[in-house]
Amino acid sequence: MKLASFYHGRFALADLTTKAATAVPLPPDILSKGIGGGAFAAALLAYYPDALCLCAGPLTGSYAPASGLATLSFIRRAGAEPVHAVIPLGHGAWLRQSGLEDLLAESK
């Protein structure tokens, strides 16, 4: 089974300046970057370095251990590695049930 079959194939991009959100297809190469929420967030932040990223991994919402978690990720300063914080209590599963992998918020 291909890794892509575990993903919905899109994420939400919320522009805090215009107060608009759109569903954006995942970049084609992103599925090869990693499986979990943190690795997935790091790959998306390479495309949107000024965003705040709420990510859920492909097993989120399943019976896998810790599968209800989500990751909140951001880049603290230009050129730095992403910082990740785990958000417990089922938030990741709620995000996946919306039909999206991730929610990115940015302001320009």
PDB file of N, CA and C in Angstrom:
ATOM      1  N   MET A   1       0.841  -1.175   0.000  1.00  0.00           N
ATOM      2  CA  MET A   1       0.000   0.000   0.000  1.00  0.00           C
ATOM      3  C   MET A   1       0.886   1.238   0.000  1.00  0.00           C
ATOM      4  N   LYS A   2       0.532   2.192  -0.835  1.00  0.00           N
ATOM      5  CA  LYS A   2       1.307   3.423  -0.919  1.00  0.00           C
ATOM      6  C   LYS A   2       1.003   4.333   0.262  1.00  0.00           C
ATOM      7  N   LEU A   3       2.008   5.072   0.689  1.00  0.00           N
ATOM      8  CA  LEU A   3       1.849   6.015   1.793  1.00  0.00           C
ATOM      9  C   LEU A   3       0.775   7.047   1.471  1.00  0.00           C
ATOM     10  N   ALA A   4       0.662   7.450   0.218  1.00  0.00           N
ATOM     11  CA  ALA A   4      -0.315   8.468  -0.176  1.00  0.00           C
ATOM     12  C   ALA A   4      -1.744   8.049   0.135  1.00  0.00           C
ATOM     13  N   SER A   5      -2.020   6.752   0.207  1.00  0.00           N
ATOM     14  CA  SER A   5      -3.387   6.306   0.461  1.00  0.00           C
ATOM     15  C   SER A   5      -3.844   6.614   1.887  1.00  0.00           C
ATOM     16  N   PHE A   6      -2.929   6.967   2.778  1.00  0.00           N
ATOM     17  CA  PHE A   6      -3.281   7.319   4.152  1.00  0.00           C
ATOM     18  C   PHE A   6      -3.625   8.799   4.319  1.00  0.00           C
ATOM     19  N   TYR A   7      -3.453   9.590   3.285  1.00  0.00           N
ATOM     20  CA  TYR A   7      -3.659  11.031   3.363  1.00  0.00           C
ATOM     21  C   TYR A   7      -4.881  11.460   2.558  1.00  0.00           C
ATOM     22  N   HIS A   8      -5.503  12.565   2.983  1.00  0.00           N
ATOM     23  CA  HIS A   8      -6.629  13.139   2.245  1.00  0.00           C
ATOM     24  C   HIS A   8      -6.159  13.890   1.006  1.00  0.00           C
ATOM     25  N   GLY A   9      -4.908  14.317   0.985  1.00  0.00           N
ATOM     26  CA  GLY A   9      -4.351  14.983  -0.190  1.00  0.00           C
ATOM     27  C   GLY A   9      -4.499  16.492  -0.206  1.00  0.00           C
ATOM     28  N   ARG A  10      -4.943  17.086   0.901  1.00  0.00           N
ATOM     29  CA  ARG A  10      -5.090  18.546   0.932  1.00  0.00           C
ATOM     30  C   ARG A  10      -4.936  19.059   2.367  1.00  0.00           C
ATOM     31  N   PHE A  11      -4.660  20.346   2.458  1.00  0.00           N
ATOM     32  CA  PHE A  11      -4.579  20.999   3.760  1.00  0.00           C
ATOM     33  C   PHE A  11      -5.295  22.336   3.652  1.00  0.00           C
ATOM     34  N   ALA A  12      -5.631  22.922   4.779  1.00  0.00           N
ATOM     35  CA  ALA A  12      -6.288  24.239   4.789  1.00  0.00           C
ATOM     36  C   ALA A  12      -5.232  25.307   4.998  1.00  0.00           C
ATOM     37  N   LEU A  13      -5.305  26.344   4.200  1.00  0.00           N
ATOM     38  CA  LEU A  13      -4.413  27.484   4.345  1.00  0.00           C
ATOM     39  C   LEU A  13      -5.273  28.688   4.718  1.00  0.00           C
ATOM     40  N   ALA A  14      -5.097  29.170   5.931  1.00  0.00           N
ATOM     41  CA  ALA A  14      -5.866  30.311   6.429  1.00  0.00           C
ATOM     42  C   ALA A  14      -4.991  31.553   6.377  1.00  0.00           C
ATOM     43  N   ASP A  15      -5.430  32.548   5.643  1.00  0.00           N
ATOM     44  CA  ASP A  15      -4.731  33.828   5.567  1.00  0.00           C
ATOM     45  C   ASP A  15      -5.358  34.747   6.612  1.00  0.00           C
ATOM     46  N   LEU A  16      -4.623  35.040   7.662  1.00  0.00           N
ATOM     47  CA  LEU A  16      -5.146  35.840   8.760  1.00  0.00           C
ATOM     48  C   LEU A  16      -5.303  37.310   8.392  1.00  0.00           C
ATOM     49  N   THR A  17      -4.633  37.752   7.338  1.00  0.00           N
ATOM     50  CA  THR A  17      -4.764  39.132   6.890  1.00  0.00           C
ATOM     51  C   THR A  17      -6.101  39.348   6.198  1.00  0.00           C
ATOM     52  N   THR A  18      -6.448  38.452   5.280  1.00  0.00           N
ATOM     53  CA  THR A  18      -7.701  38.594   4.522  1.00  0.00           C
ATOM     54  C   THR A  18      -8.870  37.857   5.173  1.00  0.00           C
ATOM     55  N   LYS A  19      -8.573  37.065   6.209  1.00  0.00           N
ATOM     56  CA  LYS A  19      -9.583  36.258   6.903  1.00  0.00           C
ATOM     57  C   LYS A  19     -10.267  35.272   5.965  1.00  0.00           C
ATOM     58  N   ALA A  20      -9.478  34.706   5.063  1.00  0.00           N
ATOM     59  CA  ALA A  20      -9.988  33.721   4.110  1.00  0.00           C
ATOM     60  C   ALA A  20      -9.217  32.411   4.275  1.00  0.00           C
ATOM     61  N   ALA A  21      -9.898  31.314   4.021  1.00  0.00           N
ATOM     62  CA  ALA A  21      -9.255  30.000   4.082  1.00  0.00           C
ATOM     63  C   ALA A  21      -9.577  29.238   2.800  1.00  0.00           C
ATOM     64  N   THR A  22      -8.595  28.497   2.318  1.00  0.00           N
ATOM     65  CA  THR A  22      -8.792  27.680   1.127  1.00  0.00           C
ATOM     66  C   THR A  22      -8.194  26.300   1.349  1.00  0.00           C
ATOM     67  N   ALA A  23      -8.767  25.316   0.687  1.00  0.00           N
ATOM     68  CA  ALA A  23      -8.200  23.972   0.689  1.00  0.00           C
ATOM     69  C   ALA A  23      -7.167  23.912  -0.436  1.00  0.00           C
ATOM     70  N   VAL A  24      -5.967  23.511  -0.092  1.00  0.00           N
ATOM     71  CA  VAL A  24      -4.851  23.503  -1.033  1.00  0.00           C
ATOM     72  C   VAL A  24      -4.364  22.063  -1.209  1.00  0.00           C
ATOM     73  N   PRO A  25      -4.162  21.607  -2.464  1.00  0.00           N
ATOM     74  CA  PRO A  25      -3.613  20.258  -2.656  1.00  0.00           C
ATOM     75  C   PRO A  25      -2.206  20.155  -2.083  1.00  0.00           C
ATOM     76  N   LEU A  26      -1.883  18.986  -1.558  1.00  0.00           N
ATOM     77  CA  LEU A  26      -0.525  18.766  -1.049  1.00  0.00           C
ATOM     78  C   LEU A  26       0.474  18.838  -2.191  1.00  0.00           C
ATOM     79  N   PRO A  27       1.632  19.447  -1.965  1.00  0.00           N
ATOM     80  CA  PRO A  27       2.685  19.407  -2.984  1.00  0.00           C
ATOM     81  C   PRO A  27       3.035  17.945  -3.280  1.00  0.00           C
ATOM     82  N   PRO A  28       3.258  17.599  -4.541  1.00  0.00           N
ATOM     83  CA  PRO A  28       3.452  16.193  -4.928  1.00  0.00           C
ATOM     84  C   PRO A  28       4.582  15.476  -4.203  1.00  0.00           C
ATOM     85  N   ASP A  29       5.646  16.177  -3.849  1.00  0.00           N
ATOM     86  CA  ASP A  29       6.800  15.515  -3.232  1.00  0.00           C
ATOM     87  C   ASP A  29       6.685  15.383  -1.718  1.00  0.00           C
ATOM     88  N   ILE A  30       5.657  15.941  -1.114  1.00  0.00           N
ATOM     89  CA  ILE A  30       5.613  16.029   0.345  1.00  0.00           C
ATOM     90  C   ILE A  30       5.389  14.689   1.032  1.00  0.00           C
ATOM     91  N   LEU A  31       4.727  13.763   0.383  1.00  0.00           N
ATOM     92  CA  LEU A  31       4.451  12.480   1.021  1.00  0.00           C
ATOM     93  C   LEU A  31       5.713  11.655   1.249  1.00  0.00           C
ATOM     94  N   SER A  32       6.772  11.958   0.526  1.00  0.00           N
ATOM     95  CA  SER A  32       8.025  11.231   0.714  1.00  0.00           C
ATOM     96  C   SER A  32       8.872  11.832   1.827  1.00  0.00           C
ATOM     97  N   LYS A  33       8.438  12.932   2.443  1.00  0.00           N
ATOM     98  CA  LYS A  33       9.232  13.623   3.464  1.00  0.00           C
ATOM     99  C   LYS A  33       9.134  12.993   4.847  1.00  0.00           C
ATOM    100  N   GLY A  34       8.093  12.286   5.147  1.00  0.00           N
ATOM    101  CA  GLY A  34       7.951  11.681   6.461  1.00  0.00           C
ATOM    102  C   GLY A  34       6.509  11.328   6.740  1.00  0.00           C
ATOM    103  N   ILE A  35       6.308  10.455   7.723  1.00  0.00           N
ATOM    104  CA  ILE A  35       4.966   9.949   7.961  1.00  0.00           C
ATOM    105  C   ILE A  35       4.224  10.675   9.072  1.00  0.00           C
ATOM    106  N   GLY A  36       4.898  11.110  10.107  1.00  0.00           N
ATOM    107  CA  GLY A  36       4.219  11.661  11.268  1.00  0.00           C
ATOM    108  C   GLY A  36       3.863  13.126  11.138  1.00  0.00           C
ATOM    109  N   GLY A  37       3.078  13.624  12.094  1.00  0.00           N
ATOM    110  CA  GLY A  37       2.645  15.012  12.072  1.00  0.00           C
ATOM    111  C   GLY A  37       3.799  15.995  12.088  1.00  0.00           C
ATOM    112  N   GLY A  38       4.821  15.753  12.928  1.00  0.00           N
ATOM    113  CA  GLY A  38       5.964  16.660  13.012  1.00  0.00           C
ATOM    114  C   GLY A  38       6.778  16.704  11.734  1.00  0.00           C
ATOM    115  N   ALA A  39       7.050  15.555  11.150  1.00  0.00           N
ATOM    116  CA  ALA A  39       7.810  15.505   9.901  1.00  0.00           C
ATOM    117  C   ALA A  39       7.000  16.108   8.756  1.00  0.00           C
ATOM    118  N   PHE A  40       5.706  15.854   8.790  1.00  0.00           N
ATOM    119  CA  PHE A  40       4.822  16.415   7.776  1.00  0.00           C
ATOM    120  C   PHE A  40       4.786  17.941   7.895  1.00  0.00           C
ATOM    121  N   ALA A  41       4.716  18.434   9.128  1.00  0.00           N
ATOM    122  CA  ALA A  41       4.722  19.884   9.372  1.00  0.00           C
ATOM    123  C   ALA A  41       6.022  20.502   8.879  1.00  0.00           C
ATOM    124  N   ALA A  42       7.145  19.860   9.156  1.00  0.00           N
ATOM    125  CA  ALA A  42       8.440  20.384   8.711  1.00  0.00           C
ATOM    126  C   ALA A  42       8.491  20.499   7.191  1.00  0.00           C
ATOM    127  N   ALA A  43       7.926  19.516   6.500  1.00  0.00           N
ATOM    128  CA  ALA A  43       7.911  19.551   5.037  1.00  0.00           C
ATOM    129  C   ALA A  43       7.023  20.697   4.537  1.00  0.00           C
ATOM    130  N   LEU A  44       5.862  20.893   5.152  1.00  0.00           N
ATOM    131  CA  LEU A  44       4.986  21.993   4.745  1.00  0.00           C
ATOM    132  C   LEU A  44       5.594  23.355   5.060  1.00  0.00           C
ATOM    133  N   LEU A  45       6.294  23.451   6.183  1.00  0.00           N
ATOM    134  CA  LEU A  45       6.917  24.722   6.553  1.00  0.00           C
ATOM    135  C   LEU A  45       8.045  25.110   5.602  1.00  0.00           C
ATOM    136  N   ALA A  46       8.585  24.154   4.861  1.00  0.00           N
ATOM    137  CA  ALA A  46       9.570  24.484   3.822  1.00  0.00           C
ATOM    138  C   ALA A  46       8.904  25.301   2.710  1.00  0.00           C
ATOM    139  N   TYR A  47       7.614  25.068   2.468  1.00  0.00           N
ATOM    140  CA  TYR A  47       6.849  25.816   1.468  1.00  0.00           C
ATOM    141  C   TYR A  47       6.259  27.103   2.058  1.00  0.00           C
ATOM    142  N   TYR A  48       5.889  27.072   3.338  1.00  0.00           N
ATOM    143  CA  TYR A  48       5.241  28.204   4.009  1.00  0.00           C
ATOM    144  C   TYR A  48       5.985  28.512   5.316  1.00  0.00           C
ATOM    145  N   PRO A  49       7.185  29.090   5.238  1.00  0.00           N
ATOM    146  CA  PRO A  49       8.024  29.248   6.442  1.00  0.00           C
ATOM    147  C   PRO A  49       7.479  30.219   7.486  1.00  0.00           C
ATOM    148  N   ASP A  50       6.548  31.083   7.117  1.00  0.00           N
ATOM    149  CA  ASP A  50       6.002  32.038   8.078  1.00  0.00           C
ATOM    150  C   ASP A  50       4.699  31.568   8.707  1.00  0.00           C
ATOM    151  N   ALA A  51       4.296  30.351   8.426  1.00  0.00           N
ATOM    152  CA  ALA A  51       3.007  29.850   8.899  1.00  0.00           C
ATOM    153  C   ALA A  51       3.122  29.173  10.262  1.00  0.00           C
ATOM    154  N   LEU A  52       2.007  29.081  10.926  1.00  0.00           N
ATOM    155  CA  LEU A  52       1.824  28.263  12.119  1.00  0.00           C
ATOM    156  C   LEU A  52       1.057  27.038  11.646  1.00  0.00           C
ATOM    157  N   CYS A  53       1.577  25.858  11.911  1.00  0.00           N
ATOM    158  CA  CYS A  53       1.056  24.633  11.302  1.00  0.00           C
ATOM    159  C   CYS A  53       0.499  23.683  12.356  1.00  0.00           C
ATOM    160  N   LEU A  54      -0.761  23.335  12.244  1.00  0.00           N
ATOM    161  CA  LEU A  54      -1.387  22.317  13.077  1.00  0.00           C
ATOM    162  C   LEU A  54      -1.515  21.071  12.216  1.00  0.00           C
ATOM    163  N   CYS A  55      -0.796  20.005  12.580  1.00  0.00           N
ATOM    164  CA  CYS A  55      -0.724  18.813  11.741  1.00  0.00           C
ATOM    165  C   CYS A  55      -1.144  17.559  12.487  1.00  0.00           C
ATOM    166  N   ALA A  56      -1.719  16.644  11.735  1.00  0.00           N
ATOM    167  CA  ALA A  56      -2.049  15.309  12.224  1.00  0.00           C
ATOM    168  C   ALA A  56      -1.411  14.300  11.272  1.00  0.00           C
ATOM    169  N   GLY A  57      -0.879  13.227  11.812  1.00  0.00           N
ATOM    170  CA  GLY A  57      -0.264  12.200  10.985  1.00  0.00           C
ATOM    171  C   GLY A  57      -1.308  11.293  10.340  1.00  0.00           C
ATOM    172  N   PRO A  58      -0.893  10.442   9.427  1.00  0.00           N
ATOM    173  CA  PRO A  58      -1.834   9.589   8.696  1.00  0.00           C
ATOM    174  C   PRO A  58      -2.510   8.525   9.556  1.00  0.00           C
ATOM    175  N   LEU A  59      -1.920   8.164  10.687  1.00  0.00           N
ATOM    176  CA  LEU A  59      -2.534   7.161  11.562  1.00  0.00           C
ATOM    177  C   LEU A  59      -3.403   7.799  12.647  1.00  0.00           C
ATOM    178  N   THR A  60      -3.456   9.121  12.671  1.00  0.00           N
ATOM    179  CA  THR A  60      -4.264   9.822  13.657  1.00  0.00           C
ATOM    180  C   THR A  60      -5.727   9.440  13.492  1.00  0.00           C
ATOM    181  N   GLY A  61      -6.360   9.108  14.602  1.00  0.00           N
ATOM    182  CA  GLY A  61      -7.754   8.685  14.576  1.00  0.00           C
ATOM    183  C   GLY A  61      -7.928   7.189  14.470  1.00  0.00           C
ATOM    184  N   SER A  62      -6.821   6.465  14.319  1.00  0.00           N
ATOM    185  CA  SER A  62      -6.872   5.002  14.266  1.00  0.00           C
ATOM    186  C   SER A  62      -6.678   4.472  15.690  1.00  0.00           C
ATOM    187  N   TYR A  63      -6.508   3.174  15.820  1.00  0.00           N
ATOM    188  CA  TYR A  63      -6.267   2.588  17.135  1.00  0.00           C
ATOM    189  C   TYR A  63      -4.784   2.505  17.478  1.00  0.00           C
ATOM    190  N   ALA A  64      -3.936   3.134  16.689  1.00  0.00           N
ATOM    191  CA  ALA A  64      -2.502   3.144  16.963  1.00  0.00           C
ATOM    192  C   ALA A  64      -2.220   3.931  18.247  1.00  0.00           C
ATOM    193  N   PRO A  65      -1.179   3.572  18.992  1.00  0.00           N
ATOM    194  CA  PRO A  65      -0.852   4.320  20.217  1.00  0.00           C
ATOM    195  C   PRO A  65      -0.616   5.803  19.917  1.00  0.00           C
ATOM    196  N   ALA A  66      -1.118   6.650  20.775  1.00  0.00           N
ATOM    197  CA  ALA A  66      -0.972   8.109  20.662  1.00  0.00           C
ATOM    198  C   ALA A  66      -1.563   8.657  19.373  1.00  0.00           C
ATOM    199  N   SER A  67      -2.578   7.989  18.828  1.00  0.00           N
ATOM    200  CA  SER A  67      -3.103   8.400  17.532  1.00  0.00           C
ATOM    201  C   SER A  67      -4.080   9.565  17.595  1.00  0.00           C
ATOM    202  N   GLY A  68      -4.364  10.093  18.764  1.00  0.00           N
ATOM    203  CA  GLY A  68      -5.258  11.236  18.861  1.00  0.00           C
ATOM    204  C   GLY A  68      -4.524  12.554  18.923  1.00  0.00           C
ATOM    205  N   LEU A  69      -3.208  12.503  18.810  1.00  0.00           N
ATOM    206  CA  LEU A  69      -2.394  13.701  18.977  1.00  0.00           C
ATOM    207  C   LEU A  69      -2.352  14.543  17.706  1.00  0.00           C
ATOM    208  N   ALA A  70      -2.029  15.795  17.885  1.00  0.00           N
ATOM    209  CA  ALA A  70      -1.730  16.705  16.782  1.00  0.00           C
ATOM    210  C   ALA A  70      -0.428  17.415  17.137  1.00  0.00           C
ATOM    211  N   THR A  71       0.196  18.016  16.165  1.00  0.00           N
ATOM    212  CA  THR A  71       1.445  18.732  16.369  1.00  0.00           C
ATOM    213  C   THR A  71       1.269  20.176  15.939  1.00  0.00           C
ATOM    214  N   LEU A  72       1.668  21.096  16.782  1.00  0.00           N
ATOM    215  CA  LEU A  72       1.681  22.512  16.444  1.00  0.00           C
ATOM    216  C   LEU A  72       3.134  22.862  16.145  1.00  0.00           C
ATOM    217  N   SER A  73       3.402  23.348  14.938  1.00  0.00           N
ATOM    218  CA  SER A  73       4.785  23.575  14.504  1.00  0.00           C
ATOM    219  C   SER A  73       4.947  24.956  13.894  1.00  0.00           C
ATOM    220  N   PHE A  74       6.133  25.500  14.050  1.00  0.00           N
ATOM    221  CA  PHE A  74       6.463  26.799  13.465  1.00  0.00           C
ATOM    222  C   PHE A  74       7.975  26.928  13.386  1.00  0.00           C
ATOM    223  N   ILE A  75       8.432  27.916  12.633  1.00  0.00           N
ATOM    224  CA  ILE A  75       9.855  28.229  12.534  1.00  0.00           C
ATOM    225  C   ILE A  75      10.080  29.545  13.285  1.00  0.00           C
ATOM    226  N   ARG A  76      10.928  29.484  14.296  1.00  0.00           N
ATOM    227  CA  ARG A  76      11.127  30.624  15.193  1.00  0.00           C
ATOM    228  C   ARG A  76      11.805  31.802  14.501  1.00  0.00           C
ATOM    229  N   ARG A  77      12.784  31.520  13.654  1.00  0.00           N
ATOM    230  CA  ARG A  77      13.482  32.577  12.919  1.00  0.00           C
ATOM    231  C   ARG A  77      13.984  31.999  11.608  1.00  0.00           C
ATOM    232  N   ALA A  78      14.224  32.850  10.632  1.00  0.00           N
ATOM    233  CA  ALA A  78      14.644  32.408   9.301  1.00  0.00           C
ATOM    234  C   ALA A  78      15.868  31.508   9.384  1.00  0.00           C
ATOM    235  N   GLY A  79      15.807  30.402   8.698  1.00  0.00           N
ATOM    236  CA  GLY A  79      16.924  29.470   8.643  1.00  0.00           C
ATOM    237  C   GLY A  79      16.989  28.477   9.787  1.00  0.00           C
ATOM    238  N   ALA A  80      16.120  28.611  10.779  1.00  0.00           N
ATOM    239  CA  ALA A  80      16.132  27.698  11.926  1.00  0.00           C
ATOM    240  C   ALA A  80      15.309  26.448  11.629  1.00  0.00           C
ATOM    241  N   GLU A  81      15.522  25.421  12.422  1.00  0.00           N
ATOM    242  CA  GLU A  81      14.728  24.199  12.324  1.00  0.00           C
ATOM    243  C   GLU A  81      13.340  24.443  12.909  1.00  0.00           C
ATOM    244  N   PRO A  82      12.333  23.722  12.442  1.00  0.00           N
ATOM    245  CA  PRO A  82      10.992  23.884  13.023  1.00  0.00           C
ATOM    246  C   PRO A  82      10.950  23.468  14.491  1.00  0.00           C
ATOM    247  N   VAL A  83      10.084  24.122  15.234  1.00  0.00           N
ATOM    248  CA  VAL A  83       9.803  23.799  16.629  1.00  0.00           C
ATOM    249  C   VAL A  83       8.456  23.087  16.652  1.00  0.00           C
ATOM    250  N   HIS A  84       8.361  21.985  17.406  1.00  0.00           N
ATOM    251  CA  HIS A  84       7.135  21.189  17.447  1.00  0.00           C
ATOM    252  C   HIS A  84       6.637  21.072  18.888  1.00  0.00           C
ATOM    253  N   ALA A  85       5.338  21.204  19.066  1.00  0.00           N
ATOM    254  CA  ALA A  85       4.698  20.981  20.361  1.00  0.00           C
ATOM    255  C   ALA A  85       3.537  20.020  20.146  1.00  0.00           C
ATOM    256  N   VAL A  86       3.425  19.016  20.998  1.00  0.00           N
ATOM    257  CA  VAL A  86       2.353  18.030  20.873  1.00  0.00           C
ATOM    258  C   VAL A  86       1.092  18.566  21.541  1.00  0.00           C
ATOM    259  N   ILE A  87      -0.026  18.418  20.856  1.00  0.00           N
ATOM    260  CA  ILE A  87      -1.330  18.815  21.391  1.00  0.00           C
ATOM    261  C   ILE A  87      -2.130  17.535  21.620  1.00  0.00           C
ATOM    262  N   PRO A  88      -2.422  17.203  22.880  1.00  0.00           N
ATOM    263  CA  PRO A  88      -3.120  15.948  23.184  1.00  0.00           C
ATOM    264  C   PRO A  88      -4.643  16.070  23.088  1.00  0.00           C
ATOM    265  N   LEU A  89      -5.326  15.074  23.621  1.00  0.00           N
ATOM    266  CA  LEU A  89      -6.776  15.065  23.830  1.00  0.00           C
ATOM    267  C   LEU A  89      -7.618  14.988  22.565  1.00  0.00           C
ATOM    268  N   GLY A  90      -7.161  14.284  21.574  1.00  0.00           N
ATOM    269  CA  GLY A  90      -8.003  14.006  20.416  1.00  0.00           C
ATOM    270  C   GLY A  90      -8.077  15.083  19.358  1.00  0.00           C
ATOM    271  N   HIS A  91      -7.326  16.167  19.494  1.00  0.00           N
ATOM    272  CA  HIS A  91      -7.410  17.237  18.508  1.00  0.00           C
ATOM    273  C   HIS A  91      -6.971  16.789  17.120  1.00  0.00           C
ATOM    274  N   GLY A  92      -5.996  15.909  17.052  1.00  0.00           N
ATOM    275  CA  GLY A  92      -5.552  15.406  15.755  1.00  0.00           C
ATOM    276  C   GLY A  92      -6.647  14.639  15.040  1.00  0.00           C
ATOM    277  N   ALA A  93      -7.374  13.819  15.788  1.00  0.00           N
ATOM    278  CA  ALA A  93      -8.466  13.049  15.185  1.00  0.00           C
ATOM    279  C   ALA A  93      -9.555  13.975  14.669  1.00  0.00           C
ATOM    280  N   TRP A  94      -9.857  15.032  15.399  1.00  0.00           N
ATOM    281  CA  TRP A  94     -10.878  15.981  14.936  1.00  0.00           C
ATOM    282  C   TRP A  94     -10.437  16.656  13.649  1.00  0.00           C
ATOM    283  N   LEU A  95      -9.162  16.989  13.546  1.00  0.00           N
ATOM    284  CA  LEU A  95      -8.649  17.606  12.328  1.00  0.00           C
ATOM    285  C   LEU A  95      -8.777  16.648  11.154  1.00  0.00           C
ATOM    286  N   ARG A  96      -8.389  15.398  11.344  1.00  0.00           N
ATOM    287  CA  ARG A  96      -8.477  14.415  10.258  1.00  0.00           C
ATOM    288  C   ARG A  96      -9.930  14.160   9.847  1.00  0.00           C
ATOM    289  N   GLN A  97     -10.846  14.174  10.789  1.00  0.00           N
ATOM    290  CA  GLN A  97     -12.255  13.942  10.460  1.00  0.00           C
ATOM    291  C   GLN A  97     -12.838  15.071   9.626  1.00  0.00           C
ATOM    292  N   SER A  98     -12.189  16.220   9.618  1.00  0.00           N
ATOM    293  CA  SER A  98     -12.655  17.330   8.787  1.00  0.00           C
ATOM    294  C   SER A  98     -12.314  17.115   7.320  1.00  0.00           C
ATOM    295  N   GLY A  99     -11.498  16.104   7.025  1.00  0.00           N
ATOM    296  CA  GLY A  99     -11.092  15.831   5.640  1.00  0.00           C
ATOM    297  C   GLY A  99      -9.820  16.539   5.237  1.00  0.00           C
ATOM    298  N   LEU A 100      -9.093  17.076   6.207  1.00  0.00           N
ATOM    299  CA  LEU A 100      -7.836  17.771   5.939  1.00  0.00           C
ATOM    300  C   LEU A 100      -6.716  17.127   6.737  1.00  0.00           C
ATOM    301  N   GLU A 101      -5.495  17.268   6.259  1.00  0.00           N
ATOM    302  CA  GLU A 101      -4.322  16.783   7.004  1.00  0.00           C
ATOM    303  C   GLU A 101      -3.889  17.824   8.017  1.00  0.00           C
ATOM    304  N   ASP A 102      -3.872  19.067   7.559  1.00  0.00           N
ATOM    305  CA  ASP A 102      -3.210  20.116   8.312  1.00  0.00           C
ATOM    306  C   ASP A 102      -3.960  21.425   8.166  1.00  0.00           C
ATOM    307  N   LEU A 103      -3.690  22.311   9.104  1.00  0.00           N
ATOM    308  CA  LEU A 103      -4.200  23.670   9.043  1.00  0.00           C
ATOM    309  C   LEU A 103      -2.995  24.586   9.181  1.00  0.00           C
ATOM    310  N   LEU A 104      -2.737  25.393   8.167  1.00  0.00           N
ATOM    311  CA  LEU A 104      -1.652  26.372   8.219  1.00  0.00           C
ATOM    312  C   LEU A 104      -2.274  27.752   8.315  1.00  0.00           C
ATOM    313  N   ALA A 105      -1.784  28.560   9.233  1.00  0.00           N
ATOM    314  CA  ALA A 105      -2.250  29.946   9.374  1.00  0.00           C
ATOM    315  C   ALA A 105      -1.069  30.863   9.169  1.00  0.00           C
ATOM    316  N   GLU A 106      -1.256  31.850   8.312  1.00  0.00           N
ATOM    317  CA  GLU A 106      -0.187  32.816   8.077  1.00  0.00           C
ATOM    318  C   GLU A 106      -0.766  34.196   7.873  1.00  0.00           C
ATOM    319  N   SER A 107       0.042  35.192   8.119  1.00  0.00           N
ATOM    320  CA  SER A 107      -0.343  36.580   7.942  1.00  0.00           C
ATOM    321  C   SER A 107       0.751  37.263   7.142  1.00  0.00           C
ATOM    322  N   LYS A 108       0.350  37.990   6.139  1.00  0.00           N
ATOM    323  CA  LYS A 108       1.355  38.644   5.288  1.00  0.00           C
ATOM    324  C   LYS A 108       1.324  40.137   5.456  1.00  0.00           C
TER     325      LYS A 108
END
